[in-house]
Amino acid sequence: MLVALDHVQLAAPHASEDRLRAFYVDALGLVETPKPPVLAARGGAWFATADGSVQLHVGIEEPFRPATKAHPGLRVKDIDAFAERLITHGAPVTWDDNLPGHRRFYSTDPVGNRLEFLEPLT
């Protein structure tokens, strides 16, 4: 029986960790979480919300190809302010109104992975 989604893994190219940290920590407001030493040797980085309820792992993959269709859907509060935060950090924001009952937009991380941000309408 499934009880929760533990984490989502995205891929990134070699030596992109600093760009990923700037985006996932500074732009998205996540914190970097330590990887176990055996996994840290492979590169990449792990990120989570402060309470750990949302976790994104970014692993190094060569050859690298960004996920331009597959993506995590990340629920946010105050989506307009969140979109402005991303724009301030230089990330693209593309609004999409095709999901009934939600406001949402798409963006990409610094290596081209697609990310969806959505907020249910109340």
Protein backbone atom coordinates (compact mmCIF):
# COMPACT_ATOMS: atom_id res chain seq x y z
CA MET A 1 0.00 0.00 0.00
CA LEU A 2 1.41 3.41 -1.00
CA VAL A 3 1.29 5.97 1.79
CA ALA A 4 3.23 8.99 0.48
CA LEU A 5 5.55 10.27 -2.20
CA ASP A 6 9.00 10.33 -0.62
CA HIS A 7 10.87 12.42 -3.20
CA VAL A 8 11.21 13.31 -6.86
CA GLN A 9 14.53 12.85 -8.67
CA LEU A 10 15.62 15.14 -11.48
CA ALA A 11 18.77 14.85 -13.57
CA ALA A 12 21.50 17.40 -14.17
CA PRO A 13 24.82 17.58 -15.99
CA HIS A 14 28.22 17.20 -14.33
CA ALA A 15 29.47 20.24 -12.37
CA SER A 16 26.07 22.00 -12.26
CA GLU A 17 25.60 21.78 -8.48
CA ASP A 18 26.37 25.46 -7.77
CA ARG A 19 23.77 26.64 -10.31
CA LEU A 20 21.26 24.16 -8.89
CA ARG A 21 21.90 25.35 -5.33
CA ALA A 22 21.37 28.98 -6.35
CA PHE A 23 18.03 28.09 -7.94
CA TYR A 24 16.59 25.55 -5.52
CA VAL A 25 17.73 27.37 -2.37
CA ASP A 26 17.65 31.05 -3.34
CA ALA A 27 14.80 31.10 -5.87
CA LEU A 28 12.56 28.30 -4.57
CA GLY A 29 13.35 28.74 -0.87
CA LEU A 30 14.30 25.11 -0.23
CA VAL A 31 17.14 24.00 2.02
CA GLU A 32 19.92 21.67 0.94
CA THR A 33 19.87 18.41 2.84
CA PRO A 34 22.96 16.25 3.28
CA LYS A 35 23.34 13.20 1.11
CA PRO A 36 24.74 10.00 2.62
CA PRO A 37 28.52 9.92 1.94
CA VAL A 38 28.33 7.01 -0.51
CA LEU A 39 25.73 8.92 -2.57
CA ALA A 40 27.43 12.31 -2.19
CA ALA A 41 30.44 10.91 -4.03
CA ARG A 42 28.25 10.67 -7.15
CA GLY A 43 27.57 14.42 -7.20
CA GLY A 44 24.23 16.14 -7.35
CA ALA A 45 22.33 17.65 -4.45
CA TRP A 46 19.21 17.07 -2.38
CA PHE A 47 16.74 19.80 -1.44
CA ALA A 48 13.66 19.95 0.79
CA THR A 49 11.20 22.29 2.40
CA ALA A 50 12.16 23.30 5.94
CA ASP A 51 9.80 20.68 7.39
CA GLY A 52 11.00 18.00 4.96
CA SER A 53 7.52 17.38 3.55
CA VAL A 54 8.64 18.12 -0.03
CA GLN A 55 11.92 16.66 -1.26
CA LEU A 56 13.66 17.11 -4.61
CA HIS A 57 16.81 15.16 -5.41
CA VAL A 58 18.99 16.17 -8.34
CA GLY A 59 21.39 13.53 -9.58
CA ILE A 60 24.18 13.75 -12.10
CA GLU A 61 23.50 11.98 -15.37
CA GLU A 62 25.83 11.76 -18.36
CA PRO A 63 24.91 12.15 -21.03
CA PHE A 64 22.39 14.65 -19.71
CA ARG A 65 19.10 15.55 -21.33
CA PRO A 66 16.71 17.84 -19.44
CA ALA A 67 13.17 16.69 -18.73
CA THR A 68 11.15 19.07 -20.89
CA LYS A 69 7.81 17.26 -20.64
CA ALA A 70 7.99 15.09 -17.50
CA HIS A 71 8.00 17.27 -14.39
CA PRO A 72 7.16 17.51 -10.70
CA GLY A 73 4.00 19.43 -9.84
CA LEU A 74 4.72 21.59 -6.80
CA ARG A 75 1.84 23.09 -4.83
CA VAL A 76 2.43 26.63 -3.60
CA LYS A 77 0.67 29.29 -1.53
CA ASP A 78 0.30 32.82 -2.95
CA ILE A 79 1.18 31.78 -6.48
CA ASP A 80 1.45 35.36 -7.76
CA ALA A 81 4.13 36.24 -5.19
CA PHE A 82 5.89 32.95 -5.91
CA ALA A 83 5.94 33.69 -9.65
CA GLU A 84 7.38 37.15 -8.96
CA ARG A 85 10.06 35.58 -6.77
CA LEU A 86 11.14 33.31 -9.63
CA ILE A 87 11.12 36.17 -12.13
CA THR A 88 13.29 38.21 -9.75
CA HIS A 89 15.79 35.33 -9.76
CA GLY A 90 15.81 35.22 -13.56
CA ALA A 91 13.68 32.11 -14.00
CA PRO A 92 11.05 31.97 -16.75
CA VAL A 93 7.37 31.91 -15.80
CA THR A 94 4.79 30.66 -18.30
CA TRP A 95 1.21 30.80 -17.05
CA ASP A 96 -1.22 28.06 -18.07
CA ASP A 97 -4.98 28.15 -17.42
CA ASN A 98 -5.86 24.67 -18.70
CA LEU A 99 -6.28 22.92 -15.32
CA PRO A 100 -9.76 23.54 -13.90
CA GLY A 101 -9.84 24.58 -10.26
CA HIS A 102 -6.20 25.70 -10.20
CA ARG A 103 -3.89 28.55 -11.09
CA ARG A 104 -0.60 27.32 -12.39
CA PHE A 105 2.57 28.17 -14.26
CA TYR A 106 5.61 26.38 -15.60
CA SER A 107 9.25 27.26 -15.18
CA THR A 108 12.60 25.56 -15.70
CA ASP A 109 15.57 25.05 -13.45
CA PRO A 110 19.03 26.28 -14.59
CA VAL A 111 19.72 23.07 -16.52
CA GLY A 112 16.37 23.02 -18.37
CA ASN A 113 14.22 20.66 -16.30
CA ARG A 114 10.52 21.58 -16.42
CA LEU A 115 8.77 22.41 -13.13
CA GLU A 116 5.05 23.02 -12.58
CA PHE A 117 3.79 25.26 -9.77
CA LEU A 118 0.12 25.22 -8.90
CA GLU A 119 -2.34 26.54 -6.35
CA PRO A 120 -5.91 25.27 -5.99
CA LEU A 121 -8.63 27.91 -6.29
CA THR A 122 -10.68 28.25 -3.13
